[in-house]
Amino acid sequence: MTTNPMPRPPYERRQWLAVAVLFTVLAPAAAWLGQALSYGPGAPGPYALFYVVPFALVAATWIPPRTDAQRRRRFALGSAGCLLALFYPNVLLVTWLVLWALTAS
């Protein structure tokens, strides 16, 4: 026999909105900061398309969670998206340098 949990009050159900807005603001700021801190020339053209992955992770935080586990997953997705947006230029630069070093020898 399963029991249905009591529905949460409206103020608890809407707390995910503040988290989604926070990650939505932080992701472009992290992308800009990552570009500013990187020694690379920026991410022109097709390289900028890889920002789709971090921003898609942040967009997933806008799906309203129904359980505490979903709420934790949405928080983890938003955090991972912001971190990927921050470190993407450095990862791209290191990858480019490693490929350059391997092909130059």
PDB file of N, CA and C in Angstrom:
ATOM      1  N   MET A   1       0.837  -1.170   0.000  1.00  0.00           N
ATOM      2  CA  MET A   1       0.000   0.000   0.000  1.00  0.00           C
ATOM      3  C   MET A   1       0.886   1.238   0.000  1.00  0.00           C
ATOM      4  N   THR A   2       0.686   2.093  -0.956  1.00  0.00           N
ATOM      5  CA  THR A   2       1.470   3.318  -1.035  1.00  0.00           C
ATOM      6  C   THR A   2       0.615   4.490  -0.589  1.00  0.00           C
ATOM      7  N   THR A   3       1.274   5.402   0.020  1.00  0.00           N
ATOM      8  CA  THR A   3       0.568   6.614   0.447  1.00  0.00           C
ATOM      9  C   THR A   3       1.093   7.776  -0.355  1.00  0.00           C
ATOM     10  N   ASN A   4       0.226   8.622  -0.754  1.00  0.00           N
ATOM     11  CA  ASN A   4       0.628   9.808  -1.491  1.00  0.00           C
ATOM     12  C   ASN A   4       1.083  10.872  -0.503  1.00  0.00           C
ATOM     13  N   PRO A   5       2.250  11.461  -0.752  1.00  0.00           N
ATOM     14  CA  PRO A   5       2.686  12.520   0.147  1.00  0.00           C
ATOM     15  C   PRO A   5       1.774  13.735  -0.009  1.00  0.00           C
ATOM     16  N   MET A   6       1.665  14.462   1.058  1.00  0.00           N
ATOM     17  CA  MET A   6       0.825  15.659   1.011  1.00  0.00           C
ATOM     18  C   MET A   6       1.466  16.677   0.076  1.00  0.00           C
ATOM     19  N   PRO A   7       0.664  17.397  -0.686  1.00  0.00           N
ATOM     20  CA  PRO A   7       1.247  18.399  -1.581  1.00  0.00           C
ATOM     21  C   PRO A   7       1.923  19.494  -0.767  1.00  0.00           C
ATOM     22  N   ARG A   8       2.984  19.995  -1.339  1.00  0.00           N
ATOM     23  CA  ARG A   8       3.733  21.051  -0.672  1.00  0.00           C
ATOM     24  C   ARG A   8       2.993  22.376  -0.793  1.00  0.00           C
ATOM     25  N   PRO A   9       3.215  23.257   0.155  1.00  0.00           N
ATOM     26  CA  PRO A   9       2.609  24.587   0.040  1.00  0.00           C
ATOM     27  C   PRO A   9       3.149  25.316  -1.182  1.00  0.00           C
ATOM     28  N   PRO A  10       2.414  26.278  -1.731  1.00  0.00           N
ATOM     29  CA  PRO A  10       2.852  26.970  -2.951  1.00  0.00           C
ATOM     30  C   PRO A  10       4.210  27.650  -2.817  1.00  0.00           C
ATOM     31  N   TYR A  11       4.525  28.203  -1.650  1.00  0.00           N
ATOM     32  CA  TYR A  11       5.819  28.887  -1.523  1.00  0.00           C
ATOM     33  C   TYR A  11       6.984  27.911  -1.621  1.00  0.00           C
ATOM     34  N   GLU A  12       6.802  26.652  -1.210  1.00  0.00           N
ATOM     35  CA  GLU A  12       7.864  25.659  -1.349  1.00  0.00           C
ATOM     36  C   GLU A  12       7.973  25.157  -2.780  1.00  0.00           C
ATOM     37  N   ARG A  13       6.852  25.108  -3.488  1.00  0.00           N
ATOM     38  CA  ARG A  13       6.885  24.636  -4.865  1.00  0.00           C
ATOM     39  C   ARG A  13       7.530  25.653  -5.789  1.00  0.00           C
ATOM     40  N   ARG A  14       7.518  26.916  -5.440  1.00  0.00           N
ATOM     41  CA  ARG A  14       8.066  27.951  -6.318  1.00  0.00           C
ATOM     42  C   ARG A  14       9.514  28.289  -6.019  1.00  0.00           C
ATOM     43  N   GLN A  15      10.143  27.643  -5.074  1.00  0.00           N
ATOM     44  CA  GLN A  15      11.529  27.953  -4.753  1.00  0.00           C
ATOM     45  C   GLN A  15      12.472  27.619  -5.901  1.00  0.00           C
ATOM     46  N   TRP A  16      12.109  26.702  -6.751  1.00  0.00           N
ATOM     47  CA  TRP A  16      12.966  26.339  -7.874  1.00  0.00           C
ATOM     48  C   TRP A  16      13.138  27.514  -8.825  1.00  0.00           C
ATOM     49  N   LEU A  17      12.181  28.430  -8.849  1.00  0.00           N
ATOM     50  CA  LEU A  17      12.261  29.565  -9.768  1.00  0.00           C
ATOM     51  C   LEU A  17      13.456  30.447  -9.457  1.00  0.00           C
ATOM     52  N   ALA A  18      13.727  30.693  -8.181  1.00  0.00           N
ATOM     53  CA  ALA A  18      14.881  31.514  -7.815  1.00  0.00           C
ATOM     54  C   ALA A  18      16.187  30.843  -8.230  1.00  0.00           C
ATOM     55  N   VAL A  19      16.258  29.529  -8.096  1.00  0.00           N
ATOM     56  CA  VAL A  19      17.462  28.799  -8.501  1.00  0.00           C
ATOM     57  C   VAL A  19      17.639  28.868 -10.016  1.00  0.00           C
ATOM     58  N   ALA A  20      16.552  28.705 -10.760  1.00  0.00           N
ATOM     59  CA  ALA A  20      16.632  28.768 -12.222  1.00  0.00           C
ATOM     60  C   ALA A  20      17.060  30.157 -12.689  1.00  0.00           C
ATOM     61  N   VAL A  21      16.525  31.188 -12.073  1.00  0.00           N
ATOM     62  CA  VAL A  21      16.913  32.558 -12.441  1.00  0.00           C
ATOM     63  C   VAL A  21      18.376  32.801 -12.093  1.00  0.00           C
ATOM     64  N   LEU A  22      18.816  32.318 -10.939  1.00  0.00           N
ATOM     65  CA  LEU A  22      20.211  32.484 -10.538  1.00  0.00           C
ATOM     66  C   LEU A  22      21.153  31.850 -11.554  1.00  0.00           C
ATOM     67  N   PHE A  23      20.878  30.607 -11.954  1.00  0.00           N
ATOM     68  CA  PHE A  23      21.744  29.954 -12.929  1.00  0.00           C
ATOM     69  C   PHE A  23      21.650  30.606 -14.310  1.00  0.00           C
ATOM     70  N   THR A  24      20.494  31.133 -14.654  1.00  0.00           N
ATOM     71  CA  THR A  24      20.335  31.811 -15.937  1.00  0.00           C
ATOM     72  C   THR A  24      21.178  33.079 -15.991  1.00  0.00           C
ATOM     73  N   VAL A  25      21.319  33.744 -14.889  1.00  0.00           N
ATOM     74  CA  VAL A  25      22.160  34.943 -14.835  1.00  0.00           C
ATOM     75  C   VAL A  25      23.632  34.564 -14.725  1.00  0.00           C
ATOM     76  N   LEU A  26      23.929  33.524 -13.961  1.00  0.00           N
ATOM     77  CA  LEU A  26      25.323  33.139 -13.741  1.00  0.00           C
ATOM     78  C   LEU A  26      25.986  32.515 -14.972  1.00  0.00           C
ATOM     79  N   ALA A  27      25.248  31.802 -15.798  1.00  0.00           N
ATOM     80  CA  ALA A  27      25.860  31.111 -16.943  1.00  0.00           C
ATOM     81  C   ALA A  27      26.484  32.085 -17.946  1.00  0.00           C
ATOM     82  N   PRO A  28      25.782  33.133 -18.414  1.00  0.00           N
ATOM     83  CA  PRO A  28      26.454  34.073 -19.316  1.00  0.00           C
ATOM     84  C   PRO A  28      27.585  34.838 -18.630  1.00  0.00           C
ATOM     85  N   ALA A  29      27.414  35.126 -17.336  1.00  0.00           N
ATOM     86  CA  ALA A  29      28.489  35.797 -16.610  1.00  0.00           C
ATOM     87  C   ALA A  29      29.719  34.893 -16.515  1.00  0.00           C
ATOM     88  N   ALA A  30      29.505  33.602 -16.296  1.00  0.00           N
ATOM     89  CA  ALA A  30      30.615  32.653 -16.250  1.00  0.00           C
ATOM     90  C   ALA A  30      31.276  32.522 -17.615  1.00  0.00           C
ATOM     91  N   ALA A  31      30.485  32.526 -18.678  1.00  0.00           N
ATOM     92  CA  ALA A  31      31.054  32.456 -20.032  1.00  0.00           C
ATOM     93  C   ALA A  31      31.899  33.695 -20.315  1.00  0.00           C
ATOM     94  N   TRP A  32      31.404  34.855 -19.935  1.00  0.00           N
ATOM     95  CA  TRP A  32      32.166  36.083 -20.148  1.00  0.00           C
ATOM     96  C   TRP A  32      33.447  36.076 -19.320  1.00  0.00           C
ATOM     97  N   LEU A  33      33.355  35.669 -18.050  1.00  0.00           N
ATOM     98  CA  LEU A  33      34.527  35.626 -17.184  1.00  0.00           C
ATOM     99  C   LEU A  33      35.537  34.605 -17.693  1.00  0.00           C
ATOM    100  N   GLY A  34      35.076  33.477 -18.166  1.00  0.00           N
ATOM    101  CA  GLY A  34      35.976  32.478 -18.733  1.00  0.00           C
ATOM    102  C   GLY A  34      36.722  33.021 -19.948  1.00  0.00           C
ATOM    103  N   GLN A  35      36.026  33.779 -20.789  1.00  0.00           N
ATOM    104  CA  GLN A  35      36.688  34.407 -21.942  1.00  0.00           C
ATOM    105  C   GLN A  35      37.697  35.445 -21.488  1.00  0.00           C
ATOM    106  N   ALA A  36      37.353  36.217 -20.462  1.00  0.00           N
ATOM    107  CA  ALA A  36      38.244  37.273 -19.985  1.00  0.00           C
ATOM    108  C   ALA A  36      39.492  36.701 -19.323  1.00  0.00           C
ATOM    109  N   LEU A  37      39.377  35.567 -18.641  1.00  0.00           N
ATOM    110  CA  LEU A  37      40.515  34.984 -17.940  1.00  0.00           C
ATOM    111  C   LEU A  37      41.360  34.070 -18.818  1.00  0.00           C
ATOM    112  N   SER A  38      40.871  33.728 -19.978  1.00  0.00           N
ATOM    113  CA  SER A  38      41.584  32.803 -20.854  1.00  0.00           C
ATOM    114  C   SER A  38      42.668  33.537 -21.629  1.00  0.00           C
ATOM    115  N   TYR A  39      43.741  32.814 -21.910  1.00  0.00           N
ATOM    116  CA  TYR A  39      44.802  33.372 -22.741  1.00  0.00           C
ATOM    117  C   TYR A  39      44.532  33.184 -24.223  1.00  0.00           C
ATOM    118  N   GLY A  40      43.466  32.519 -24.530  1.00  0.00           N
ATOM    119  CA  GLY A  40      43.120  32.250 -25.921  1.00  0.00           C
ATOM    120  C   GLY A  40      42.556  33.476 -26.612  1.00  0.00           C
ATOM    121  N   PRO A  41      42.399  33.399 -27.928  1.00  0.00           N
ATOM    122  CA  PRO A  41      41.908  34.545 -28.693  1.00  0.00           C
ATOM    123  C   PRO A  41      40.395  34.714 -28.665  1.00  0.00           C
ATOM    124  N   GLY A  42      39.709  33.984 -27.842  1.00  0.00           N
ATOM    125  CA  GLY A  42      38.248  34.056 -27.835  1.00  0.00           C
ATOM    126  C   GLY A  42      37.684  32.819 -28.505  1.00  0.00           C
ATOM    127  N   ALA A  43      36.393  32.780 -28.643  1.00  0.00           N
ATOM    128  CA  ALA A  43      35.747  31.628 -29.265  1.00  0.00           C
ATOM    129  C   ALA A  43      34.933  32.090 -30.460  1.00  0.00           C
ATOM    130  N   PRO A  44      35.603  32.459 -31.558  1.00  0.00           N
ATOM    131  CA  PRO A  44      34.855  32.918 -32.719  1.00  0.00           C
ATOM    132  C   PRO A  44      34.246  31.761 -33.500  1.00  0.00           C
ATOM    133  N   GLY A  45      33.266  32.101 -34.275  1.00  0.00           N
ATOM    134  CA  GLY A  45      32.670  31.163 -35.223  1.00  0.00           C
ATOM    135  C   GLY A  45      32.171  29.870 -34.631  1.00  0.00           C
ATOM    136  N   PRO A  46      32.627  28.749 -35.210  1.00  0.00           N
ATOM    137  CA  PRO A  46      32.081  27.453 -34.806  1.00  0.00           C
ATOM    138  C   PRO A  46      32.452  27.052 -33.377  1.00  0.00           C
ATOM    139  N   TYR A  47      33.510  27.623 -32.817  1.00  0.00           N
ATOM    140  CA  TYR A  47      33.885  27.268 -31.449  1.00  0.00           C
ATOM    141  C   TYR A  47      32.855  27.759 -30.440  1.00  0.00           C
ATOM    142  N   ALA A  48      32.175  28.831 -30.752  1.00  0.00           N
ATOM    143  CA  ALA A  48      31.149  29.358 -29.844  1.00  0.00           C
ATOM    144  C   ALA A  48      29.935  28.437 -29.770  1.00  0.00           C
ATOM    145  N   LEU A  49      29.775  27.551 -30.737  1.00  0.00           N
ATOM    146  CA  LEU A  49      28.637  26.624 -30.708  1.00  0.00           C
ATOM    147  C   LEU A  49      28.716  25.640 -29.552  1.00  0.00           C
ATOM    148  N   PHE A  50      29.926  25.405 -29.042  1.00  0.00           N
ATOM    149  CA  PHE A  50      30.064  24.468 -27.937  1.00  0.00           C
ATOM    150  C   PHE A  50      29.493  25.028 -26.636  1.00  0.00           C
ATOM    151  N   TYR A  51      29.166  26.313 -26.602  1.00  0.00           N
ATOM    152  CA  TYR A  51      28.501  26.880 -25.428  1.00  0.00           C
ATOM    153  C   TYR A  51      27.048  26.407 -25.332  1.00  0.00           C
ATOM    154  N   VAL A  52      26.571  25.736 -26.352  1.00  0.00           N
ATOM    155  CA  VAL A  52      25.204  25.208 -26.328  1.00  0.00           C
ATOM    156  C   VAL A  52      25.052  24.184 -25.197  1.00  0.00           C
ATOM    157  N   VAL A  53      26.074  23.386 -24.967  1.00  0.00           N
ATOM    158  CA  VAL A  53      25.986  22.346 -23.937  1.00  0.00           C
ATOM    159  C   VAL A  53      25.829  22.954 -22.537  1.00  0.00           C
ATOM    160  N   PRO A  54      26.702  23.893 -22.115  1.00  0.00           N
ATOM    161  CA  PRO A  54      26.487  24.461 -20.780  1.00  0.00           C
ATOM    162  C   PRO A  54      25.158  25.195 -20.658  1.00  0.00           C
ATOM    163  N   PHE A  55      24.766  25.920 -21.701  1.00  0.00           N
ATOM    164  CA  PHE A  55      23.509  26.660 -21.621  1.00  0.00           C
ATOM    165  C   PHE A  55      22.304  25.720 -21.649  1.00  0.00           C
ATOM    166  N   ALA A  56      22.433  24.569 -22.291  1.00  0.00           N
ATOM    167  CA  ALA A  56      21.344  23.580 -22.263  1.00  0.00           C
ATOM    168  C   ALA A  56      21.207  22.969 -20.870  1.00  0.00           C
ATOM    169  N   LEU A  57      22.332  22.759 -20.189  1.00  0.00           N
ATOM    170  CA  LEU A  57      22.271  22.265 -18.821  1.00  0.00           C
ATOM    171  C   LEU A  57      21.581  23.272 -17.904  1.00  0.00           C
ATOM    172  N   VAL A  58      21.873  24.545 -18.126  1.00  0.00           N
ATOM    173  CA  VAL A  58      21.224  25.595 -17.335  1.00  0.00           C
ATOM    174  C   VAL A  58      19.743  25.682 -17.698  1.00  0.00           C
ATOM    175  N   ALA A  59      19.411  25.492 -18.956  1.00  0.00           N
ATOM    176  CA  ALA A  59      17.999  25.539 -19.367  1.00  0.00           C
ATOM    177  C   ALA A  59      17.197  24.419 -18.720  1.00  0.00           C
ATOM    178  N   ALA A  60      17.838  23.308 -18.412  1.00  0.00           N
ATOM    179  CA  ALA A  60      17.133  22.197 -17.761  1.00  0.00           C
ATOM    180  C   ALA A  60      16.683  22.552 -16.352  1.00  0.00           C
ATOM    181  N   THR A  61      17.279  23.574 -15.749  1.00  0.00           N
ATOM    182  CA  THR A  61      16.853  23.973 -14.404  1.00  0.00           C
ATOM    183  C   THR A  61      15.482  24.627 -14.418  1.00  0.00           C
ATOM    184  N   TRP A  62      14.989  25.024 -15.594  1.00  0.00           N
ATOM    185  CA  TRP A  62      13.670  25.654 -15.686  1.00  0.00           C
ATOM    186  C   TRP A  62      12.531  24.643 -15.657  1.00  0.00           C
ATOM    187  N   ILE A  63      12.824  23.359 -15.721  1.00  0.00           N
ATOM    188  CA  ILE A  63      11.782  22.344 -15.600  1.00  0.00           C
ATOM    189  C   ILE A  63      11.439  22.229 -14.116  1.00  0.00           C
ATOM    190  N   PRO A  64      10.197  22.469 -13.746  1.00  0.00           N
ATOM    191  CA  PRO A  64       9.848  22.448 -12.318  1.00  0.00           C
ATOM    192  C   PRO A  64      10.036  21.062 -11.702  1.00  0.00           C
ATOM    193  N   PRO A  65      10.806  20.979 -10.623  1.00  0.00           N
ATOM    194  CA  PRO A  65      10.993  19.678  -9.974  1.00  0.00           C
ATOM    195  C   PRO A  65       9.779  19.304  -9.138  1.00  0.00           C
ATOM    196  N   ARG A  66       9.500  18.013  -9.083  1.00  0.00           N
ATOM    197  CA  ARG A  66       8.368  17.529  -8.285  1.00  0.00           C
ATOM    198  C   ARG A  66       8.825  16.869  -6.992  1.00  0.00           C
ATOM    199  N   THR A  67      10.065  16.407  -6.969  1.00  0.00           N
ATOM    200  CA  THR A  67      10.573  15.726  -5.784  1.00  0.00           C
ATOM    201  C   THR A  67      11.875  16.377  -5.344  1.00  0.00           C
ATOM    202  N   ASP A  68      12.322  16.022  -4.159  1.00  0.00           N
ATOM    203  CA  ASP A  68      13.596  16.551  -3.668  1.00  0.00           C
ATOM    204  C   ASP A  68      14.766  16.044  -4.504  1.00  0.00           C
ATOM    205  N   ALA A  69      14.680  14.814  -4.981  1.00  0.00           N
ATOM    206  CA  ALA A  69      15.752  14.273  -5.822  1.00  0.00           C
ATOM    207  C   ALA A  69      15.843  15.044  -7.130  1.00  0.00           C
ATOM    208  N   GLN A  70      14.716  15.367  -7.724  1.00  0.00           N
ATOM    209  CA  GLN A  70      14.739  16.171  -8.950  1.00  0.00           C
ATOM    210  C   GLN A  70      15.284  17.562  -8.671  1.00  0.00           C
ATOM    211  N   ARG A  71      14.956  18.113  -7.520  1.00  0.00           N
ATOM    212  CA  ARG A  71      15.463  19.434  -7.159  1.00  0.00           C
ATOM    213  C   ARG A  71      16.988  19.403  -7.049  1.00  0.00           C
ATOM    214  N   ARG A  72      17.534  18.356  -6.440  1.00  0.00           N
ATOM    215  CA  ARG A  72      18.995  18.229  -6.329  1.00  0.00           C
ATOM    216  C   ARG A  72      19.633  18.040  -7.705  1.00  0.00           C
ATOM    217  N   ARG A  73      18.981  17.253  -8.562  1.00  0.00           N
ATOM    218  CA  ARG A  73      19.516  17.055  -9.915  1.00  0.00           C
ATOM    219  C   ARG A  73      19.517  18.353 -10.711  1.00  0.00           C
ATOM    220  N   ARG A  74      18.461  19.143 -10.593  1.00  0.00           N
ATOM    221  CA  ARG A  74      18.398  20.414 -11.314  1.00  0.00           C
ATOM    222  C   ARG A  74      19.485  21.365 -10.813  1.00  0.00           C
ATOM    223  N   PHE A  75      19.731  21.351  -9.514  1.00  0.00           N
ATOM    224  CA  PHE A  75      20.788  22.187  -8.951  1.00  0.00           C
ATOM    225  C   PHE A  75      22.156  21.729  -9.465  1.00  0.00           C
ATOM    226  N   ALA A  76      22.368  20.426  -9.531  1.00  0.00           N
ATOM    227  CA  ALA A  76      23.629  19.888 -10.042  1.00  0.00           C
ATOM    228  C   ALA A  76      23.798  20.216 -11.522  1.00  0.00           C
ATOM    229  N   LEU A  77      22.726  20.119 -12.310  1.00  0.00           N
ATOM    230  CA  LEU A  77      22.811  20.464 -13.733  1.00  0.00           C
ATOM    231  C   LEU A  77      23.152  21.933 -13.930  1.00  0.00           C
ATOM    232  N   GLY A  78      22.517  22.805 -13.168  1.00  0.00           N
ATOM    233  CA  GLY A  78      22.814  24.228 -13.271  1.00  0.00           C
ATOM    234  C   GLY A  78      24.239  24.546 -12.871  1.00  0.00           C
ATOM    235  N   SER A  79      24.708  23.909 -11.809  1.00  0.00           N
ATOM    236  CA  SER A  79      26.087  24.114 -11.370  1.00  0.00           C
ATOM    237  C   SER A  79      27.083  23.630 -12.421  1.00  0.00           C
ATOM    238  N   ALA A  80      26.818  22.458 -12.971  1.00  0.00           N
ATOM    239  CA  ALA A  80      27.707  21.917 -14.003  1.00  0.00           C
ATOM    240  C   ALA A  80      27.705  22.799 -15.244  1.00  0.00           C
ATOM    241  N   GLY A  81      26.554  23.331 -15.616  1.00  0.00           N
ATOM    242  CA  GLY A  81      26.483  24.223 -16.770  1.00  0.00           C
ATOM    243  C   GLY A  81      27.281  25.498 -16.562  1.00  0.00           C
ATOM    244  N   CYS A  82      27.193  26.070 -15.376  1.00  0.00           N
ATOM    245  CA  CYS A  82      27.962  27.293 -15.084  1.00  0.00           C
ATOM    246  C   CYS A  82      29.457  27.008 -15.063  1.00  0.00           C
ATOM    247  N   LEU A  83      29.850  25.875 -14.487  1.00  0.00           N
ATOM    248  CA  LEU A  83      31.273  25.528 -14.466  1.00  0.00           C
ATOM    249  C   LEU A  83      31.800  25.242 -15.868  1.00  0.00           C
ATOM    250  N   LEU A  84      31.016  24.549 -16.684  1.00  0.00           N
ATOM    251  CA  LEU A  84      31.447  24.308 -18.064  1.00  0.00           C
ATOM    252  C   LEU A  84      31.580  25.614 -18.841  1.00  0.00           C
ATOM    253  N   ALA A  85      30.655  26.531 -18.638  1.00  0.00           N
ATOM    254  CA  ALA A  85      30.734  27.814 -19.326  1.00  0.00           C
ATOM    255  C   ALA A  85      31.960  28.591 -18.875  1.00  0.00           C
ATOM    256  N   LEU A  86      32.334  28.461 -17.605  1.00  0.00           N
ATOM    257  CA  LEU A  86      33.503  29.168 -17.084  1.00  0.00           C
ATOM    258  C   LEU A  86      34.800  28.592 -17.624  1.00  0.00           C
ATOM    259  N   PHE A  87      34.908  27.263 -17.650  1.00  0.00           N
ATOM    260  CA  PHE A  87      36.176  26.634 -18.029  1.00  0.00           C
ATOM    261  C   PHE A  87      36.282  26.242 -19.490  1.00  0.00           C
ATOM    262  N   TYR A  88      35.249  26.430 -20.279  1.00  0.00           N
ATOM    263  CA  TYR A  88      35.296  26.027 -21.690  1.00  0.00           C
ATOM    264  C   TYR A  88      36.437  26.688 -22.465  1.00  0.00           C
ATOM    265  N   PRO A  89      36.679  28.007 -22.352  1.00  0.00           N
ATOM    266  CA  PRO A  89      37.786  28.587 -23.126  1.00  0.00           C
ATOM    267  C   PRO A  89      39.141  27.993 -22.758  1.00  0.00           C
ATOM    268  N   ASN A  90      39.364  27.699 -21.489  1.00  0.00           N
ATOM    269  CA  ASN A  90      40.637  27.109 -21.085  1.00  0.00           C
ATOM    270  C   ASN A  90      40.769  25.680 -21.568  1.00  0.00           C
ATOM    271  N   VAL A  91      39.690  24.929 -21.521  1.00  0.00           N
ATOM    272  CA  VAL A  91      39.721  23.549 -22.037  1.00  0.00           C
ATOM    273  C   VAL A  91      39.986  23.570 -23.544  1.00  0.00           C
ATOM    274  N   LEU A  92      39.358  24.490 -24.241  1.00  0.00           N
ATOM    275  CA  LEU A  92      39.577  24.622 -25.685  1.00  0.00           C
ATOM    276  C   LEU A  92      41.028  24.981 -25.986  1.00  0.00           C
ATOM    277  N   LEU A  93      41.597  25.895 -25.206  1.00  0.00           N
ATOM    278  CA  LEU A  93      42.986  26.300 -25.416  1.00  0.00           C
ATOM    279  C   LEU A  93      43.944  25.147 -25.138  1.00  0.00           C
ATOM    280  N   VAL A  94      43.746  24.419 -24.057  1.00  0.00           N
ATOM    281  CA  VAL A  94      44.619  23.287 -23.731  1.00  0.00           C
ATOM    282  C   VAL A  94      44.500  22.205 -24.796  1.00  0.00           C
ATOM    283  N   THR A  95      43.289  21.928 -25.244  1.00  0.00           N
ATOM    284  CA  THR A  95      43.098  20.938 -26.302  1.00  0.00           C
ATOM    285  C   THR A  95      43.813  21.358 -27.574  1.00  0.00           C
ATOM    286  N   TRP A  96      43.695  22.624 -27.930  1.00  0.00           N
ATOM    287  CA  TRP A  96      44.363  23.137 -29.128  1.00  0.00           C
ATOM    288  C   TRP A  96      45.881  23.034 -28.984  1.00  0.00           C
ATOM    289  N   LEU A  97      46.423  23.372 -27.814  1.00  0.00           N
ATOM    290  CA  LEU A  97      47.871  23.299 -27.605  1.00  0.00           C
ATOM    291  C   LEU A  97      48.375  21.857 -27.625  1.00  0.00           C
ATOM    292  N   VAL A  98      47.626  20.939 -27.048  1.00  0.00           N
ATOM    293  CA  VAL A  98      48.036  19.531 -27.067  1.00  0.00           C
ATOM    294  C   VAL A  98      48.018  18.995 -28.489  1.00  0.00           C
ATOM    295  N   LEU A  99      46.970  19.299 -29.238  1.00  0.00           N
ATOM    296  CA  LEU A  99      46.923  18.854 -30.635  1.00  0.00           C
ATOM    297  C   LEU A  99      48.038  19.489 -31.447  1.00  0.00           C
ATOM    298  N   TRP A 100      48.345  20.733 -31.209  1.00  0.00           N
ATOM    299  CA  TRP A 100      49.441  21.410 -31.907  1.00  0.00           C
ATOM    300  C   TRP A 100      50.770  20.758 -31.577  1.00  0.00           C
ATOM    301  N   ALA A 101      50.978  20.435 -30.291  1.00  0.00           N
ATOM    302  CA  ALA A 101      52.236  19.807 -29.875  1.00  0.00           C
ATOM    303  C   ALA A 101      52.372  18.399 -30.463  1.00  0.00           C
ATOM    304  N   LEU A 102      51.269  17.672 -30.545  1.00  0.00           N
ATOM    305  CA  LEU A 102      51.333  16.312 -31.087  1.00  0.00           C
ATOM    306  C   LEU A 102      51.592  16.296 -32.592  1.00  0.00           C
ATOM    307  N   THR A 103      51.037  17.247 -33.289  1.00  0.00           N
ATOM    308  CA  THR A 103      51.210  17.265 -34.742  1.00  0.00           C
ATOM    309  C   THR A 103      52.500  17.959 -35.156  1.00  0.00           C
ATOM    310  N   ALA A 104      53.108  18.743 -34.282  1.00  0.00           N
ATOM    311  CA  ALA A 104      54.331  19.461 -34.634  1.00  0.00           C
ATOM    312  C   ALA A 104      55.557  18.567 -34.526  1.00  0.00           C
ATOM    313  N   SER A 105      55.482  17.461 -33.814  1.00  0.00           N
ATOM    314  CA  SER A 105      56.667  16.624 -33.640  1.00  0.00           C
ATOM    315  C   SER A 105      56.848  15.612 -34.722  1.00  0.00           C
TER     316      SER A 105
END
